[in-house]
């Protein structure tokens, strides 16, 4: 995520509606399984933190490029120590190991 996009997301924590969306071309199969899910954010070559995902998502069949939208509350931002990551585009399941961050479910 570009640093300015992350900053914009973080600034919405103070707004009346802190919910944001992350658009996807395909539905991530792992999100169909129960449990808390997180949207990890990589920026400037390192993992920076994560948002907890809402239990709901949106689907727009009229959007052929990105019909799926993951919803998250920006107030759930949890920074982690920067962990180097190779550049990637889009979505990945290769996130930092749980030993590198702590959170109670």
Foldseek 3Di string as FASTA:
>chain_A
DEPVVLVVLLVLLPPPQSKDKDFDQDDDPVLVDDDWDWDWDDYPQWTFWIFIWDNDWAADPVDNRTRIIIMTRSVRTDTFPTDGDDDDPDDDPPDDDCVRDDDDD
